[in-house]
Amino acid sequence: MSNSTIVRMKITLDDVTPAVSRTLEVPLNIRLDRLHTVIQTAFSWTDSHLWEMSFGQTGFGIPDPEYGFDGPLDARKATLAQVLADTRRKTFRYLYDFGDAWEHSVSIGVQTGPP
């Protein structure tokens, strides 16, 4: 896929009634930390809590030196394209606020070219 590939993703906030979801289109080559910012804006979150994107057993976020090697991989150093290719997944989990555990299910479709 080219650098101009756009992905459409449906993001659903789990375990809430009524259902809350957003459909977004982002560049496939977006960095994961920037994708986090897009999700924050789409859900009107305040970006005031820890977060993590999990692709199977692999988690990405902003590493905290106090966690050592057990924390997430650095989301600033990975793109959505790289992670999807490496994990061969079309879905992932987004966790916002480790205390309140706002969990989101994300499913991805691909649209080539500009939106």
PDB file of N, CA and C in Angstrom:
ATOM      1  N   MET A   1       0.827  -1.178   0.000  1.00  0.00           N
ATOM      2  CA  MET A   1       0.000   0.000   0.000  1.00  0.00           C
ATOM      3  C   MET A   1       0.873   1.244   0.000  1.00  0.00           C
ATOM      4  N   SER A   2       0.375   2.268  -0.619  1.00  0.00           N
ATOM      5  CA  SER A   2       1.160   3.485  -0.751  1.00  0.00           C
ATOM      6  C   SER A   2       1.014   4.388   0.466  1.00  0.00           C
ATOM      7  N   ASN A   3       1.841   5.436   0.502  1.00  0.00           N
ATOM      8  CA  ASN A   3       1.778   6.402   1.587  1.00  0.00           C
ATOM      9  C   ASN A   3       0.473   7.170   1.606  1.00  0.00           C
ATOM     10  N   SER A   4      -0.252   7.169   0.484  1.00  0.00           N
ATOM     11  CA  SER A   4      -1.521   7.897   0.434  1.00  0.00           C
ATOM     12  C   SER A   4      -2.708   7.032   0.850  1.00  0.00           C
ATOM     13  N   THR A   5      -2.445   5.799   1.294  1.00  0.00           N
ATOM     14  CA  THR A   5      -3.525   4.915   1.708  1.00  0.00           C
ATOM     15  C   THR A   5      -4.188   5.441   2.978  1.00  0.00           C
ATOM     16  N   ILE A   6      -5.495   5.450   2.945  1.00  0.00           N
ATOM     17  CA  ILE A   6      -6.301   5.889   4.082  1.00  0.00           C
ATOM     18  C   ILE A   6      -7.000   4.656   4.647  1.00  0.00           C
ATOM     19  N   VAL A   7      -7.026   4.560   5.974  1.00  0.00           N
ATOM     20  CA  VAL A   7      -7.770   3.481   6.601  1.00  0.00           C
ATOM     21  C   VAL A   7      -8.992   4.061   7.299  1.00  0.00           C
ATOM     22  N   ARG A   8     -10.067   3.353   7.201  1.00  0.00           N
ATOM     23  CA  ARG A   8     -11.284   3.702   7.928  1.00  0.00           C
ATOM     24  C   ARG A   8     -11.368   2.769   9.119  1.00  0.00           C
ATOM     25  N   MET A   9     -11.540   3.336  10.288  1.00  0.00           N
ATOM     26  CA  MET A   9     -11.638   2.506  11.477  1.00  0.00           C
ATOM     27  C   MET A   9     -12.900   2.830  12.250  1.00  0.00           C
ATOM     28  N   LYS A  10     -13.494   1.788  12.783  1.00  0.00           N
ATOM     29  CA  LYS A  10     -14.629   1.953  13.672  1.00  0.00           C
ATOM     30  C   LYS A  10     -14.128   1.693  15.084  1.00  0.00           C
ATOM     31  N   ILE A  11     -14.347   2.663  15.960  1.00  0.00           N
ATOM     32  CA  ILE A  11     -13.902   2.574  17.338  1.00  0.00           C
ATOM     33  C   ILE A  11     -15.133   2.570  18.219  1.00  0.00           C
ATOM     34  N   THR A  12     -15.289   1.525  19.027  1.00  0.00           N
ATOM     35  CA  THR A  12     -16.452   1.369  19.895  1.00  0.00           C
ATOM     36  C   THR A  12     -16.003   1.338  21.340  1.00  0.00           C
ATOM     37  N   LEU A  13     -16.610   2.174  22.161  1.00  0.00           N
ATOM     38  CA  LEU A  13     -16.354   2.166  23.594  1.00  0.00           C
ATOM     39  C   LEU A  13     -17.098   0.972  24.172  1.00  0.00           C
ATOM     40  N   ASP A  14     -16.366   0.057  24.786  1.00  0.00           N
ATOM     41  CA  ASP A  14     -16.947  -1.198  25.266  1.00  0.00           C
ATOM     42  C   ASP A  14     -17.740  -0.993  26.559  1.00  0.00           C
ATOM     43  N   ASP A  15     -18.725  -1.845  26.750  1.00  0.00           N
ATOM     44  CA  ASP A  15     -19.458  -1.968  28.009  1.00  0.00           C
ATOM     45  C   ASP A  15     -20.166  -0.696  28.455  1.00  0.00           C
ATOM     46  N   VAL A  16     -20.695   0.071  27.500  1.00  0.00           N
ATOM     47  CA  VAL A  16     -21.523   1.222  27.856  1.00  0.00           C
ATOM     48  C   VAL A  16     -22.842   1.147  27.093  1.00  0.00           C
ATOM     49  N   THR A  17     -23.884   1.652  27.733  1.00  0.00           N
ATOM     50  CA  THR A  17     -25.202   1.705  27.117  1.00  0.00           C
ATOM     51  C   THR A  17     -25.727   3.112  27.285  1.00  0.00           C
ATOM     52  N   PRO A  18     -26.194   3.732  26.210  1.00  0.00           N
ATOM     53  CA  PRO A  18     -26.234   3.241  24.834  1.00  0.00           C
ATOM     54  C   PRO A  18     -24.834   3.151  24.228  1.00  0.00           C
ATOM     55  N   ALA A  19     -24.745   2.422  23.127  1.00  0.00           N
ATOM     56  CA  ALA A  19     -23.459   2.223  22.464  1.00  0.00           C
ATOM     57  C   ALA A  19     -22.873   3.562  22.013  1.00  0.00           C
ATOM     58  N   VAL A  20     -21.561   3.676  22.155  1.00  0.00           N
ATOM     59  CA  VAL A  20     -20.841   4.871  21.727  1.00  0.00           C
ATOM     60  C   VAL A  20     -19.741   4.425  20.772  1.00  0.00           C
ATOM     61  N   SER A  21     -19.749   4.962  19.555  1.00  0.00           N
ATOM     62  CA  SER A  21     -18.707   4.608  18.594  1.00  0.00           C
ATOM     63  C   SER A  21     -18.424   5.792  17.683  1.00  0.00           C
ATOM     64  N   ARG A  22     -17.287   5.722  17.048  1.00  0.00           N
ATOM     65  CA  ARG A  22     -16.868   6.727  16.080  1.00  0.00           C
ATOM     66  C   ARG A  22     -16.278   5.998  14.884  1.00  0.00           C
ATOM     67  N   THR A  23     -16.476   6.563  13.700  1.00  0.00           N
ATOM     68  CA  THR A  23     -15.819   6.076  12.494  1.00  0.00           C
ATOM     69  C   THR A  23     -14.869   7.168  12.035  1.00  0.00           C
ATOM     70  N   LEU A  24     -13.602   6.813  11.900  1.00  0.00           N
ATOM     71  CA  LEU A  24     -12.559   7.772  11.551  1.00  0.00           C
ATOM     72  C   LEU A  24     -11.807   7.305  10.320  1.00  0.00           C
ATOM     73  N   GLU A  25     -11.244   8.255   9.596  1.00  0.00           N
ATOM     74  CA  GLU A  25     -10.333   7.952   8.506  1.00  0.00           C
ATOM     75  C   GLU A  25      -9.005   8.624   8.803  1.00  0.00           C
ATOM     76  N   VAL A  26      -7.935   7.827   8.754  1.00  0.00           N
ATOM     77  CA  VAL A  26      -6.592   8.324   9.047  1.00  0.00           C
ATOM     78  C   VAL A  26      -5.610   7.752   8.030  1.00  0.00           C
ATOM     79  N   PRO A  27      -4.467   8.404   7.856  1.00  0.00           N
ATOM     80  CA  PRO A  27      -3.442   7.829   6.971  1.00  0.00           C
ATOM     81  C   PRO A  27      -2.918   6.518   7.551  1.00  0.00           C
ATOM     82  N   LEU A  28      -2.692   5.548   6.709  1.00  0.00           N
ATOM     83  CA  LEU A  28      -2.170   4.265   7.157  1.00  0.00           C
ATOM     84  C   LEU A  28      -0.806   4.427   7.821  1.00  0.00           C
ATOM     85  N   ASN A  29      -0.034   5.435   7.403  1.00  0.00           N
ATOM     86  CA  ASN A  29       1.309   5.610   7.944  1.00  0.00           C
ATOM     87  C   ASN A  29       1.335   6.516   9.183  1.00  0.00           C
ATOM     88  N   ILE A  30       0.200   6.744   9.831  1.00  0.00           N
ATOM     89  CA  ILE A  30       0.162   7.575  11.033  1.00  0.00           C
ATOM     90  C   ILE A  30       0.930   6.898  12.171  1.00  0.00           C
ATOM     91  N   ARG A  31       1.679   7.698  12.933  1.00  0.00           N
ATOM     92  CA  ARG A  31       2.337   7.147  14.118  1.00  0.00           C
ATOM     93  C   ARG A  31       1.279   6.853  15.177  1.00  0.00           C
ATOM     94  N   LEU A  32       1.529   5.841  15.997  1.00  0.00           N
ATOM     95  CA  LEU A  32       0.535   5.432  16.987  1.00  0.00           C
ATOM     96  C   LEU A  32       0.282   6.504  18.045  1.00  0.00           C
ATOM     97  N   ASP A  33       1.292   7.283  18.414  1.00  0.00           N
ATOM     98  CA  ASP A  33       1.038   8.361  19.372  1.00  0.00           C
ATOM     99  C   ASP A  33       0.119   9.422  18.780  1.00  0.00           C
ATOM    100  N   ARG A  34       0.225   9.648  17.486  1.00  0.00           N
ATOM    101  CA  ARG A  34      -0.665  10.607  16.826  1.00  0.00           C
ATOM    102  C   ARG A  34      -2.072  10.026  16.663  1.00  0.00           C
ATOM    103  N   LEU A  35      -2.152   8.723  16.427  1.00  0.00           N
ATOM    104  CA  LEU A  35      -3.461   8.071  16.375  1.00  0.00           C
ATOM    105  C   LEU A  35      -4.159   8.209  17.724  1.00  0.00           C
ATOM    106  N   HIS A  36      -3.408   8.066  18.796  1.00  0.00           N
ATOM    107  CA  HIS A  36      -3.958   8.278  20.139  1.00  0.00           C
ATOM    108  C   HIS A  36      -4.583   9.673  20.241  1.00  0.00           C
ATOM    109  N   THR A  37      -3.895  10.688  19.738  1.00  0.00           N
ATOM    110  CA  THR A  37      -4.411  12.057  19.783  1.00  0.00           C
ATOM    111  C   THR A  37      -5.700  12.189  18.972  1.00  0.00           C
ATOM    112  N   VAL A  38      -5.770  11.536  17.836  1.00  0.00           N
ATOM    113  CA  VAL A  38      -6.978  11.568  17.009  1.00  0.00           C
ATOM    114  C   VAL A  38      -8.142  10.923  17.761  1.00  0.00           C
ATOM    115  N   ILE A  39      -7.899   9.782  18.389  1.00  0.00           N
ATOM    116  CA  ILE A  39      -8.947   9.102  19.150  1.00  0.00           C
ATOM    117  C   ILE A  39      -9.397   9.964  20.317  1.00  0.00           C
ATOM    118  N   GLN A  40      -8.451  10.590  21.005  1.00  0.00           N
ATOM    119  CA  GLN A  40      -8.793  11.478  22.114  1.00  0.00           C
ATOM    120  C   GLN A  40      -9.743  12.577  21.653  1.00  0.00           C
ATOM    121  N   THR A  41      -9.449  13.186  20.531  1.00  0.00           N
ATOM    122  CA  THR A  41     -10.277  14.261  19.993  1.00  0.00           C
ATOM    123  C   THR A  41     -11.653  13.732  19.590  1.00  0.00           C
ATOM    124  N   ALA A  42     -11.689  12.587  18.934  1.00  0.00           N
ATOM    125  CA  ALA A  42     -12.958  12.028  18.459  1.00  0.00           C
ATOM    126  C   ALA A  42     -13.914  11.703  19.603  1.00  0.00           C
ATOM    127  N   PHE A  43     -13.370  11.284  20.741  1.00  0.00           N
ATOM    128  CA  PHE A  43     -14.216  10.921  21.876  1.00  0.00           C
ATOM    129  C   PHE A  43     -14.330  12.044  22.915  1.00  0.00           C
ATOM    130  N   SER A  44     -13.726  13.175  22.630  1.00  0.00           N
ATOM    131  CA  SER A  44     -13.720  14.309  23.567  1.00  0.00           C
ATOM    132  C   SER A  44     -13.110  13.939  24.913  1.00  0.00           C
ATOM    133  N   TRP A  45     -12.118  13.026  24.883  1.00  0.00           N
ATOM    134  CA  TRP A  45     -11.362  12.728  26.087  1.00  0.00           C
ATOM    135  C   TRP A  45     -10.405  13.882  26.330  1.00  0.00           C
ATOM    136  N   THR A  46      -9.831  13.962  27.505  1.00  0.00           N
ATOM    137  CA  THR A  46      -8.981  15.102  27.877  1.00  0.00           C
ATOM    138  C   THR A  46      -7.486  14.802  27.836  1.00  0.00           C
ATOM    139  N   ASP A  47      -7.099  13.613  27.441  1.00  0.00           N
ATOM    140  CA  ASP A  47      -5.694  13.204  27.372  1.00  0.00           C
ATOM    141  C   ASP A  47      -4.975  13.459  28.699  1.00  0.00           C
ATOM    142  N   SER A  48      -5.643  13.086  29.772  1.00  0.00           N
ATOM    143  CA  SER A  48      -5.071  13.314  31.105  1.00  0.00           C
ATOM    144  C   SER A  48      -4.801  12.010  31.844  1.00  0.00           C
ATOM    145  N   HIS A  49      -4.811  10.888  31.129  1.00  0.00           N
ATOM    146  CA  HIS A  49      -4.582   9.582  31.751  1.00  0.00           C
ATOM    147  C   HIS A  49      -3.643   8.751  30.881  1.00  0.00           C
ATOM    148  N   LEU A  50      -3.121   7.694  31.446  1.00  0.00           N
ATOM    149  CA  LEU A  50      -2.305   6.750  30.695  1.00  0.00           C
ATOM    150  C   LEU A  50      -3.171   6.032  29.669  1.00  0.00           C
ATOM    151  N   TRP A  51      -2.549   5.517  28.630  1.00  0.00           N
ATOM    152  CA  TRP A  51      -3.264   4.819  27.569  1.00  0.00           C
ATOM    153  C   TRP A  51      -2.360   3.749  26.962  1.00  0.00           C
ATOM    154  N   GLU A  52      -2.986   2.813  26.264  1.00  0.00           N
ATOM    155  CA  GLU A  52      -2.228   1.763  25.576  1.00  0.00           C
ATOM    156  C   GLU A  52      -3.055   1.209  24.428  1.00  0.00           C
ATOM    157  N   MET A  53      -2.386   0.943  23.313  1.00  0.00           N
ATOM    158  CA  MET A  53      -2.983   0.233  22.183  1.00  0.00           C
ATOM    159  C   MET A  53      -2.416  -1.169  22.195  1.00  0.00           C
ATOM    160  N   SER A  54      -3.286  -2.173  22.166  1.00  0.00           N
ATOM    161  CA  SER A  54      -2.846  -3.567  22.217  1.00  0.00           C
ATOM    162  C   SER A  54      -3.227  -4.288  20.939  1.00  0.00           C
ATOM    163  N   PHE A  55      -2.226  -4.811  20.284  1.00  0.00           N
ATOM    164  CA  PHE A  55      -2.395  -5.622  19.082  1.00  0.00           C
ATOM    165  C   PHE A  55      -2.037  -7.042  19.497  1.00  0.00           C
ATOM    166  N   GLY A  56      -3.022  -7.815  19.909  1.00  0.00           N
ATOM    167  CA  GLY A  56      -2.740  -9.121  20.489  1.00  0.00           C
ATOM    168  C   GLY A  56      -2.012  -8.934  21.799  1.00  0.00           C
ATOM    169  N   GLN A  57      -0.855  -9.561  21.939  1.00  0.00           N
ATOM    170  CA  GLN A  57      -0.064  -9.465  23.168  1.00  0.00           C
ATOM    171  C   GLN A  57       0.922  -8.291  23.152  1.00  0.00           C
ATOM    172  N   THR A  58       0.932  -7.526  22.073  1.00  0.00           N
ATOM    173  CA  THR A  58       1.887  -6.432  21.935  1.00  0.00           C
ATOM    174  C   THR A  58       1.210  -5.105  22.231  1.00  0.00           C
ATOM    175  N   GLY A  59       1.724  -4.395  23.233  1.00  0.00           N
ATOM    176  CA  GLY A  59       1.143  -3.116  23.627  1.00  0.00           C
ATOM    177  C   GLY A  59       2.040  -1.945  23.271  1.00  0.00           C
ATOM    178  N   PHE A  60       1.426  -0.828  22.886  1.00  0.00           N
ATOM    179  CA  PHE A  60       2.136   0.396  22.549  1.00  0.00           C
ATOM    180  C   PHE A  60       1.561   1.537  23.370  1.00  0.00           C
ATOM    181  N   GLY A  61       2.435   2.404  23.839  1.00  0.00           N
ATOM    182  CA  GLY A  61       2.035   3.588  24.589  1.00  0.00           C
ATOM    183  C   GLY A  61       3.254   4.474  24.732  1.00  0.00           C
ATOM    184  N   ILE A  62       3.285   5.276  25.773  1.00  0.00           N
ATOM    185  CA  ILE A  62       4.462   6.083  26.068  1.00  0.00           C
ATOM    186  C   ILE A  62       5.155   5.420  27.253  1.00  0.00           C
ATOM    187  N   PRO A  63       6.326   4.828  27.029  1.00  0.00           N
ATOM    188  CA  PRO A  63       7.005   4.089  28.092  1.00  0.00           C
ATOM    189  C   PRO A  63       7.333   4.970  29.300  1.00  0.00           C
ATOM    190  N   ASP A  64       7.216   4.381  30.455  1.00  0.00           N
ATOM    191  CA  ASP A  64       7.571   5.036  31.709  1.00  0.00           C
ATOM    192  C   ASP A  64       8.827   4.335  32.216  1.00  0.00           C
ATOM    193  N   PRO A  65       9.920   5.074  32.396  1.00  0.00           N
ATOM    194  CA  PRO A  65      11.169   4.434  32.842  1.00  0.00           C
ATOM    195  C   PRO A  65      11.019   3.632  34.130  1.00  0.00           C
ATOM    196  N   GLU A  66      10.044   3.957  34.958  1.00  0.00           N
ATOM    197  CA  GLU A  66       9.841   3.213  36.203  1.00  0.00           C
ATOM    198  C   GLU A  66       9.326   1.798  35.951  1.00  0.00           C
ATOM    199  N   TYR A  67       8.705   1.558  34.795  1.00  0.00           N
ATOM    200  CA  TYR A  67       8.213   0.219  34.476  1.00  0.00           C
ATOM    201  C   TYR A  67       9.329  -0.704  34.021  1.00  0.00           C
ATOM    202  N   GLY A  68      10.454  -0.170  33.594  1.00  0.00           N
ATOM    203  CA  GLY A  68      11.527  -1.007  33.073  1.00  0.00           C
ATOM    204  C   GLY A  68      11.124  -1.584  31.733  1.00  0.00           C
ATOM    205  N   PHE A  69      11.420  -2.849  31.514  1.00  0.00           N
ATOM    206  CA  PHE A  69      11.142  -3.489  30.236  1.00  0.00           C
ATOM    207  C   PHE A  69       9.754  -4.106  30.174  1.00  0.00           C
ATOM    208  N   ASP A  70       8.979  -4.017  31.241  1.00  0.00           N
ATOM    209  CA  ASP A  70       7.652  -4.638  31.257  1.00  0.00           C
ATOM    210  C   ASP A  70       6.563  -3.736  30.692  1.00  0.00           C
ATOM    211  N   GLY A  71       6.883  -2.487  30.413  1.00  0.00           N
ATOM    212  CA  GLY A  71       5.891  -1.537  29.921  1.00  0.00           C
ATOM    213  C   GLY A  71       5.659  -1.682  28.428  1.00  0.00           C
ATOM    214  N   PRO A  72       4.849  -0.790  27.879  1.00  0.00           N
ATOM    215  CA  PRO A  72       4.531  -0.854  26.453  1.00  0.00           C
ATOM    216  C   PRO A  72       5.711  -0.437  25.579  1.00  0.00           C
ATOM    217  N   LEU A  73       5.656  -0.830  24.315  1.00  0.00           N
ATOM    218  CA  LEU A  73       6.615  -0.352  23.327  1.00  0.00           C
ATOM    219  C   LEU A  73       6.289   1.109  23.028  1.00  0.00           C
ATOM    220  N   ASP A  74       7.257   1.843  22.530  1.00  0.00           N
ATOM    221  CA  ASP A  74       7.110   3.278  22.309  1.00  0.00           C
ATOM    222  C   ASP A  74       6.239   3.562  21.085  1.00  0.00           C
ATOM    223  N   ALA A  75       5.058   4.139  21.325  1.00  0.00           N
ATOM    224  CA  ALA A  75       4.110   4.464  20.255  1.00  0.00           C
ATOM    225  C   ALA A  75       4.641   5.565  19.344  1.00  0.00           C
ATOM    226  N   ARG A  76       5.629   6.324  19.809  1.00  0.00           N
ATOM    227  CA  ARG A  76       6.212   7.384  18.984  1.00  0.00           C
ATOM    228  C   ARG A  76       7.138   6.822  17.915  1.00  0.00           C
ATOM    229  N   LYS A  77       7.459   5.536  18.026  1.00  0.00           N
ATOM    230  CA  LYS A  77       8.406   4.915  17.092  1.00  0.00           C
ATOM    231  C   LYS A  77       7.753   3.863  16.212  1.00  0.00           C
ATOM    232  N   ALA A  78       6.424   3.822  16.181  1.00  0.00           N
ATOM    233  CA  ALA A  78       5.728   2.805  15.383  1.00  0.00           C
ATOM    234  C   ALA A  78       4.582   3.452  14.615  1.00  0.00           C
ATOM    235  N   THR A  79       4.387   3.004  13.396  1.00  0.00           N
ATOM    236  CA  THR A  79       3.247   3.479  12.615  1.00  0.00           C
ATOM    237  C   THR A  79       2.174   2.394  12.581  1.00  0.00           C
ATOM    238  N   LEU A  80       0.968   2.817  12.293  1.00  0.00           N
ATOM    239  CA  LEU A  80      -0.130   1.861  12.160  1.00  0.00           C
ATOM    240  C   LEU A  80       0.189   0.844  11.071  1.00  0.00           C
ATOM    241  N   ALA A  81       0.752   1.298   9.964  1.00  0.00           N
ATOM    242  CA  ALA A  81       1.099   0.393   8.866  1.00  0.00           C
ATOM    243  C   ALA A  81       2.078  -0.691   9.316  1.00  0.00           C
ATOM    244  N   GLN A  82       3.125  -0.283  10.047  1.00  0.00           N
ATOM    245  CA  GLN A  82       4.121  -1.253  10.511  1.00  0.00           C
ATOM    246  C   GLN A  82       3.503  -2.288  11.439  1.00  0.00           C
ATOM    247  N   VAL A  83       2.707  -1.822  12.379  1.00  0.00           N
ATOM    248  CA  VAL A  83       2.142  -2.728  13.381  1.00  0.00           C
ATOM    249  C   VAL A  83       1.133  -3.680  12.742  1.00  0.00           C
ATOM    250  N   LEU A  84       0.297  -3.173  11.849  1.00  0.00           N
ATOM    251  CA  LEU A  84      -0.666  -4.052  11.176  1.00  0.00           C
ATOM    252  C   LEU A  84       0.050  -5.109  10.347  1.00  0.00           C
ATOM    253  N   ALA A  85       1.123  -4.727   9.664  1.00  0.00           N
ATOM    254  CA  ALA A  85       1.881  -5.694   8.867  1.00  0.00           C
ATOM    255  C   ALA A  85       2.566  -6.721   9.764  1.00  0.00           C
ATOM    256  N   ASP A  86       3.157  -6.265  10.856  1.00  0.00           N
ATOM    257  CA  ASP A  86       3.875  -7.168  11.760  1.00  0.00           C
ATOM    258  C   ASP A  86       2.941  -8.133  12.484  1.00  0.00           C
ATOM    259  N   THR A  87       1.773  -7.656  12.894  1.00  0.00           N
ATOM    260  CA  THR A  87       0.873  -8.494  13.690  1.00  0.00           C
ATOM    261  C   THR A  87      -0.179  -9.204  12.845  1.00  0.00           C
ATOM    262  N   ARG A  88      -0.317  -8.793  11.597  1.00  0.00           N
ATOM    263  CA  ARG A  88      -1.318  -9.373  10.680  1.00  0.00           C
ATOM    264  C   ARG A  88      -2.720  -9.298  11.270  1.00  0.00           C
ATOM    265  N   ARG A  89      -3.024  -8.150  11.858  1.00  0.00           N
ATOM    266  CA  ARG A  89      -4.323  -7.948  12.495  1.00  0.00           C
ATOM    267  C   ARG A  89      -5.093  -6.844  11.792  1.00  0.00           C
ATOM    268  N   LYS A  90      -6.410  -6.898  11.917  1.00  0.00           N
ATOM    269  CA  LYS A  90      -7.302  -5.836  11.440  1.00  0.00           C
ATOM    270  C   LYS A  90      -8.087  -5.254  12.600  1.00  0.00           C
ATOM    271  N   THR A  91      -7.767  -5.695  13.806  1.00  0.00           N
ATOM    272  CA  THR A  91      -8.430  -5.177  15.002  1.00  0.00           C
ATOM    273  C   THR A  91      -7.378  -4.944  16.081  1.00  0.00           C
ATOM    274  N   PHE A  92      -7.703  -4.040  17.010  1.00  0.00           N
ATOM    275  CA  PHE A  92      -6.870  -3.870  18.186  1.00  0.00           C
ATOM    276  C   PHE A  92      -7.701  -3.257  19.292  1.00  0.00           C
ATOM    277  N   ARG A  93      -7.113  -3.185  20.467  1.00  0.00           N
ATOM    278  CA  ARG A  93      -7.772  -2.625  21.652  1.00  0.00           C
ATOM    279  C   ARG A  93      -7.080  -1.319  22.016  1.00  0.00           C
ATOM    280  N   TYR A  94      -7.879  -0.352  22.440  1.00  0.00           N
ATOM    281  CA  TYR A  94      -7.350   0.922  22.920  1.00  0.00           C
ATOM    282  C   TYR A  94      -7.870   1.107  24.331  1.00  0.00           C
ATOM    283  N   LEU A  95      -6.967   1.208  25.283  1.00  0.00           N
ATOM    284  CA  LEU A  95      -7.328   1.392  26.686  1.00  0.00           C
ATOM    285  C   LEU A  95      -6.942   2.798  27.100  1.00  0.00           C
ATOM    286  N   TYR A  96      -7.919   3.533  27.619  1.00  0.00           N
ATOM    287  CA  TYR A  96      -7.667   4.884  28.099  1.00  0.00           C
ATOM    288  C   TYR A  96      -8.043   4.946  29.567  1.00  0.00           C
ATOM    289  N   ASP A  97      -7.148   5.439  30.378  1.00  0.00           N
ATOM    290  CA  ASP A  97      -7.329   5.588  31.825  1.00  0.00           C
ATOM    291  C   ASP A  97      -7.267   4.215  32.490  1.00  0.00           C
ATOM    292  N   PHE A  98      -6.089   3.855  32.946  1.00  0.00           N
ATOM    293  CA  PHE A  98      -5.880   2.544  33.552  1.00  0.00           C
ATOM    294  C   PHE A  98      -6.718   2.346  34.807  1.00  0.00           C
ATOM    295  N   GLY A  99      -7.081   3.422  35.491  1.00  0.00           N
ATOM    296  CA  GLY A  99      -7.914   3.317  36.696  1.00  0.00           C
ATOM    297  C   GLY A  99      -9.362   3.005  36.360  1.00  0.00           C
ATOM    298  N   ASP A 100      -9.972   3.830  35.490  1.00  0.00           N
ATOM    299  CA  ASP A 100     -11.374   3.622  35.112  1.00  0.00           C
ATOM    300  C   ASP A 100     -11.519   2.617  33.975  1.00  0.00           C
ATOM    301  N   ALA A 101     -10.433   2.329  33.287  1.00  0.00           N
ATOM    302  CA  ALA A 101     -10.375   1.299  32.237  1.00  0.00           C
ATOM    303  C   ALA A 101     -11.436   1.496  31.149  1.00  0.00           C
ATOM    304  N   TRP A 102     -11.355   2.634  30.463  1.00  0.00           N
ATOM    305  CA  TRP A 102     -12.222   2.858  29.305  1.00  0.00           C
ATOM    306  C   TRP A 102     -11.635   2.070  28.139  1.00  0.00           C
ATOM    307  N   GLU A 103     -12.226   0.909  27.853  1.00  0.00           N
ATOM    308  CA  GLU A 103     -11.717   0.041  26.796  1.00  0.00           C
ATOM    309  C   GLU A 103     -12.498   0.268  25.507  1.00  0.00           C
ATOM    310  N   HIS A 104     -11.754   0.292  24.415  1.00  0.00           N
ATOM    311  CA  HIS A 104     -12.324   0.510  23.092  1.00  0.00           C
ATOM    312  C   HIS A 104     -11.913  -0.642  22.181  1.00  0.00           C
ATOM    313  N   SER A 105     -12.833  -1.097  21.355  1.00  0.00           N
ATOM    314  CA  SER A 105     -12.535  -2.074  20.310  1.00  0.00           C
ATOM    315  C   SER A 105     -12.398  -1.309  18.997  1.00  0.00           C
ATOM    316  N   VAL A 106     -11.331  -1.596  18.260  1.00  0.00           N
ATOM    317  CA  VAL A 106     -11.068  -0.890  17.009  1.00  0.00           C
ATOM    318  C   VAL A 106     -10.989  -1.911  15.885  1.00  0.00           C
ATOM    319  N   SER A 107     -11.775  -1.693  14.822  1.00  0.00           N
ATOM    320  CA  SER A 107     -11.687  -2.543  13.636  1.00  0.00           C
ATOM    321  C   SER A 107     -11.320  -1.655  12.454  1.00  0.00           C
ATOM    322  N   ILE A 108     -10.507  -2.208  11.559  1.00  0.00           N
ATOM    323  CA  ILE A 108      -9.903  -1.424  10.490  1.00  0.00           C
ATOM    324  C   ILE A 108     -10.274  -1.981   9.131  1.00  0.00           C
ATOM    325  N   GLY A 109     -10.652  -1.058   8.239  1.00  0.00           N
ATOM    326  CA  GLY A 109     -10.855  -1.362   6.823  1.00  0.00           C
ATOM    327  C   GLY A 109      -9.895  -0.472   6.053  1.00  0.00           C
ATOM    328  N   VAL A 110      -9.618  -0.783   4.811  1.00  0.00           N
ATOM    329  CA  VAL A 110      -8.657   0.006   4.034  1.00  0.00           C
ATOM    330  C   VAL A 110      -9.356   0.637   2.847  1.00  0.00           C
ATOM    331  N   GLN A 111      -9.015   1.891   2.599  1.00  0.00           N
ATOM    332  CA  GLN A 111      -9.497   2.616   1.437  1.00  0.00           C
ATOM    333  C   GLN A 111      -8.258   3.202   0.774  1.00  0.00           C
ATOM    334  N   THR A 112      -8.010   2.914  -0.479  1.00  0.00           N
ATOM    335  CA  THR A 112      -6.805   3.433  -1.122  1.00  0.00           C
ATOM    336  C   THR A 112      -7.051   4.828  -1.649  1.00  0.00           C
ATOM    337  N   GLY A 113      -5.980   5.576  -1.741  1.00  0.00           N
ATOM    338  CA  GLY A 113      -6.065   6.928  -2.280  1.00  0.00           C
ATOM    339  C   GLY A 113      -6.603   7.912  -1.278  1.00  0.00           C
ATOM    340  N   PRO A 114      -6.715   9.156  -1.677  1.00  0.00           N
ATOM    341  CA  PRO A 114      -7.250  10.179  -0.769  1.00  0.00           C
ATOM    342  C   PRO A 114      -8.702   9.906  -0.435  1.00  0.00           C
ATOM    343  N   PRO A 115      -9.190  10.384   0.750  1.00  0.00           N
ATOM    344  CA  PRO A 115     -10.581  10.140   1.134  1.00  0.00           C
ATOM    345  C   PRO A 115     -11.554  10.831   0.218  1.00  0.00           C
TER     346      PRO A 115
END
